[in-house]
Amino acid sequence: NTAKIEDLRKSIALNQKFLFMNDLFSGEKSAYDEAIDKLNSLHTMDEAKSYLASEVEKQHNWEHNSPAVEQFKILLERKFL
């Protein structure tokens, strides 16, 4: 599905939410919620990439080729279509 996403939170299935929370945010629901809220508030993919690079990826040791990271970034790209 390549339809544009307006709200990341509503577009993430429950099983994906747990995958993202556990694999990408070290099981920290507050970190996950904060990141989703911030990404929802941004206006461009460049802003989103910058935010992830500076505030999220290093802190949570994202593996760039992991399935969870790939799924997350696909959803993010659909937000900024």
N, C-alpha and C. Protein backbone atom coordinates (compact mmCIF):
# COMPACT_ATOMS: atom_id res chain seq x y z
N ASN A 1 0.85 -1.20 0.00
CA ASN A 1 0.00 0.00 0.00
C ASN A 1 0.88 1.24 0.00
N THR A 2 0.64 2.13 -0.95
CA THR A 2 1.45 3.34 -1.00
C THR A 2 0.61 4.59 -0.78
N ALA A 3 -0.54 4.42 -0.15
CA ALA A 3 -1.39 5.58 0.15
C ALA A 3 -0.69 6.46 1.16
N LYS A 4 -0.96 7.76 1.04
CA LYS A 4 -0.36 8.72 1.96
C LYS A 4 -0.92 8.48 3.37
N ILE A 5 -0.05 8.61 4.35
CA ILE A 5 -0.41 8.48 5.75
C ILE A 5 -0.51 9.88 6.35
N GLU A 6 -1.59 10.16 7.04
CA GLU A 6 -1.72 11.45 7.73
C GLU A 6 -1.20 11.35 9.16
N ASP A 7 -1.53 10.24 9.83
CA ASP A 7 -1.17 10.07 11.23
C ASP A 7 -0.46 8.74 11.40
N LEU A 8 0.83 8.80 11.72
CA LEU A 8 1.61 7.58 11.87
C LEU A 8 1.00 6.66 12.92
N ARG A 9 0.58 7.23 14.04
CA ARG A 9 0.06 6.41 15.14
C ARG A 9 -1.11 5.54 14.68
N LYS A 10 -2.02 6.12 13.88
CA LYS A 10 -3.19 5.38 13.41
C LYS A 10 -2.84 4.38 12.32
N SER A 11 -1.69 4.54 11.68
CA SER A 11 -1.31 3.69 10.56
C SER A 11 -0.44 2.51 10.97
N ILE A 12 -0.02 2.49 12.22
CA ILE A 12 0.84 1.41 12.70
C ILE A 12 -0.03 0.35 13.37
N ALA A 13 -0.01 -0.84 12.81
CA ALA A 13 -0.79 -1.95 13.36
C ALA A 13 -0.24 -2.32 14.74
N LEU A 14 -1.09 -2.93 15.55
CA LEU A 14 -0.70 -3.26 16.92
C LEU A 14 0.57 -4.12 16.97
N ASN A 15 0.65 -5.13 16.10
CA ASN A 15 1.84 -5.98 16.13
C ASN A 15 3.08 -5.20 15.69
N GLN A 16 2.91 -4.25 14.76
CA GLN A 16 4.03 -3.40 14.34
C GLN A 16 4.45 -2.49 15.49
N LYS A 17 3.46 -1.97 16.21
CA LYS A 17 3.76 -1.08 17.33
C LYS A 17 4.67 -1.79 18.33
N PHE A 18 4.34 -3.05 18.67
CA PHE A 18 5.17 -3.78 19.61
C PHE A 18 6.54 -4.10 19.03
N LEU A 19 6.59 -4.43 17.75
CA LEU A 19 7.87 -4.65 17.08
C LEU A 19 8.73 -3.39 17.16
N PHE A 20 8.15 -2.25 16.78
CA PHE A 20 8.90 -0.99 16.80
C PHE A 20 9.33 -0.63 18.22
N MET A 21 8.40 -0.74 19.16
CA MET A 21 8.70 -0.37 20.54
C MET A 21 9.85 -1.23 21.07
N ASN A 22 9.78 -2.54 20.83
CA ASN A 22 10.80 -3.44 21.37
C ASN A 22 12.12 -3.36 20.61
N ASP A 23 12.06 -3.37 19.27
CA ASP A 23 13.29 -3.41 18.48
C ASP A 23 13.93 -2.04 18.29
N LEU A 24 13.12 -1.00 18.21
CA LEU A 24 13.66 0.31 17.87
C LEU A 24 13.77 1.26 19.06
N PHE A 25 12.98 1.02 20.09
CA PHE A 25 12.95 1.95 21.23
C PHE A 25 13.25 1.25 22.55
N SER A 26 13.98 0.15 22.49
CA SER A 26 14.45 -0.55 23.70
C SER A 26 13.31 -0.86 24.66
N GLY A 27 12.12 -1.08 24.15
CA GLY A 27 10.98 -1.40 24.99
C GLY A 27 10.39 -0.21 25.73
N GLU A 28 10.86 0.99 25.41
CA GLU A 28 10.42 2.20 26.12
C GLU A 28 9.23 2.83 25.41
N LYS A 29 8.03 2.62 25.97
CA LYS A 29 6.83 3.17 25.36
C LYS A 29 6.89 4.69 25.28
N SER A 30 7.41 5.34 26.30
CA SER A 30 7.46 6.81 26.29
C SER A 30 8.36 7.32 25.17
N ALA A 31 9.46 6.64 24.91
CA ALA A 31 10.37 7.05 23.83
C ALA A 31 9.69 6.85 22.48
N TYR A 32 8.99 5.72 22.34
CA TYR A 32 8.24 5.44 21.11
C TYR A 32 7.18 6.53 20.90
N ASP A 33 6.37 6.79 21.93
CA ASP A 33 5.29 7.78 21.81
C ASP A 33 5.83 9.16 21.47
N GLU A 34 6.91 9.54 22.12
CA GLU A 34 7.52 10.85 21.86
C GLU A 34 7.99 10.96 20.41
N ALA A 35 8.63 9.90 19.91
CA ALA A 35 9.12 9.92 18.54
C ALA A 35 7.97 9.98 17.54
N ILE A 36 6.92 9.20 17.76
CA ILE A 36 5.77 9.21 16.85
C ILE A 36 5.11 10.58 16.85
N ASP A 37 4.91 11.16 18.02
CA ASP A 37 4.30 12.50 18.11
C ASP A 37 5.14 13.53 17.37
N LYS A 38 6.45 13.47 17.57
CA LYS A 38 7.35 14.43 16.91
C LYS A 38 7.31 14.23 15.39
N LEU A 39 7.39 12.99 14.95
CA LEU A 39 7.37 12.73 13.50
C LEU A 39 6.04 13.16 12.89
N ASN A 40 4.95 12.98 13.60
CA ASN A 40 3.64 13.43 13.10
C ASN A 40 3.59 14.95 12.94
N SER A 41 4.38 15.66 13.74
CA SER A 41 4.33 17.13 13.71
C SER A 41 5.23 17.74 12.63
N LEU A 42 6.11 16.93 12.05
CA LEU A 42 7.04 17.45 11.05
C LEU A 42 6.37 17.56 9.68
N HIS A 43 7.00 18.35 8.80
CA HIS A 43 6.37 18.66 7.52
C HIS A 43 7.08 18.07 6.30
N THR A 44 8.34 17.64 6.47
CA THR A 44 9.07 17.10 5.32
C THR A 44 9.86 15.85 5.72
N MET A 45 10.18 15.05 4.73
CA MET A 45 10.99 13.85 4.95
C MET A 45 12.38 14.25 5.44
N ASP A 46 12.92 15.36 4.94
CA ASP A 46 14.23 15.81 5.40
C ASP A 46 14.21 16.11 6.90
N GLU A 47 13.14 16.78 7.37
CA GLU A 47 13.01 17.06 8.80
C GLU A 47 12.95 15.75 9.58
N ALA A 48 12.18 14.79 9.07
CA ALA A 48 12.03 13.51 9.75
C ALA A 48 13.36 12.77 9.82
N LYS A 49 14.10 12.73 8.71
CA LYS A 49 15.39 12.05 8.68
C LYS A 49 16.37 12.71 9.64
N SER A 50 16.36 14.03 9.66
CA SER A 50 17.25 14.78 10.55
C SER A 50 16.93 14.49 12.01
N TYR A 51 15.64 14.49 12.33
CA TYR A 51 15.21 14.19 13.70
C TYR A 51 15.63 12.77 14.10
N LEU A 52 15.37 11.79 13.23
CA LEU A 52 15.74 10.41 13.55
C LEU A 52 17.25 10.29 13.75
N ALA A 53 18.01 10.91 12.87
CA ALA A 53 19.46 10.81 12.95
C ALA A 53 19.99 11.46 14.23
N SER A 54 19.44 12.61 14.60
CA SER A 54 20.00 13.33 15.75
C SER A 54 19.41 12.91 17.08
N GLU A 55 18.16 12.46 17.09
CA GLU A 55 17.48 12.23 18.37
C GLU A 55 17.14 10.77 18.66
N VAL A 56 17.13 9.91 17.67
CA VAL A 56 16.56 8.58 17.90
C VAL A 56 17.53 7.44 17.58
N GLU A 57 18.07 7.43 16.38
CA GLU A 57 18.81 6.26 15.91
C GLU A 57 20.01 5.90 16.78
N LYS A 58 20.81 6.87 17.16
CA LYS A 58 22.00 6.59 17.97
C LYS A 58 21.62 6.18 19.39
N GLN A 59 20.64 6.89 19.97
CA GLN A 59 20.25 6.60 21.35
C GLN A 59 19.74 5.18 21.52
N HIS A 60 19.09 4.66 20.48
CA HIS A 60 18.49 3.34 20.58
C HIS A 60 19.21 2.30 19.73
N ASN A 61 20.41 2.66 19.24
CA ASN A 61 21.27 1.72 18.49
C ASN A 61 20.54 1.00 17.36
N TRP A 62 19.92 1.78 16.48
CA TRP A 62 19.20 1.18 15.36
C TRP A 62 20.17 0.48 14.42
N GLU A 63 19.80 -0.72 14.01
CA GLU A 63 20.53 -1.46 12.98
C GLU A 63 19.86 -1.09 11.65
N HIS A 64 20.57 -0.40 10.78
CA HIS A 64 19.93 0.19 9.59
C HIS A 64 19.34 -0.82 8.62
N ASN A 65 19.81 -2.05 8.66
CA ASN A 65 19.27 -3.04 7.73
C ASN A 65 18.29 -3.99 8.41
N SER A 66 17.87 -3.67 9.64
CA SER A 66 16.93 -4.57 10.33
C SER A 66 15.54 -4.43 9.73
N PRO A 67 14.76 -5.51 9.74
CA PRO A 67 13.38 -5.45 9.20
C PRO A 67 12.54 -4.38 9.89
N ALA A 68 12.72 -4.19 11.20
CA ALA A 68 11.92 -3.20 11.92
C ALA A 68 12.24 -1.79 11.43
N VAL A 69 13.52 -1.49 11.24
CA VAL A 69 13.91 -0.16 10.75
C VAL A 69 13.36 0.05 9.34
N GLU A 70 13.47 -0.97 8.51
CA GLU A 70 12.97 -0.85 7.13
C GLU A 70 11.46 -0.60 7.11
N GLN A 71 10.70 -1.36 7.93
CA GLN A 71 9.25 -1.15 7.99
C GLN A 71 8.91 0.25 8.48
N PHE A 72 9.63 0.71 9.49
CA PHE A 72 9.38 2.03 10.08
C PHE A 72 9.63 3.12 9.03
N LYS A 73 10.72 2.99 8.30
CA LYS A 73 11.06 4.02 7.31
C LYS A 73 10.10 4.00 6.11
N ILE A 74 9.58 2.83 5.76
CA ILE A 74 8.58 2.76 4.69
C ILE A 74 7.32 3.52 5.10
N LEU A 75 6.87 3.30 6.34
CA LEU A 75 5.70 4.04 6.84
C LEU A 75 5.99 5.54 6.84
N LEU A 76 7.17 5.91 7.27
CA LEU A 76 7.55 7.32 7.34
C LEU A 76 7.54 7.96 5.94
N GLU A 77 8.06 7.24 4.96
CA GLU A 77 8.06 7.76 3.59
C GLU A 77 6.65 8.00 3.09
N ARG A 78 5.71 7.11 3.48
CA ARG A 78 4.32 7.30 3.05
C ARG A 78 3.70 8.53 3.70
N LYS A 79 4.17 8.91 4.87
CA LYS A 79 3.64 10.12 5.51
C LYS A 79 4.00 11.36 4.69
N PHE A 80 5.16 11.33 4.07
CA PHE A 80 5.65 12.53 3.36
C PHE A 80 5.55 12.41 1.85
N LEU A 81 4.64 11.60 1.35
CA LEU A 81 4.44 11.46 -0.10
C LEU A 81 4.06 12.80 -0.72
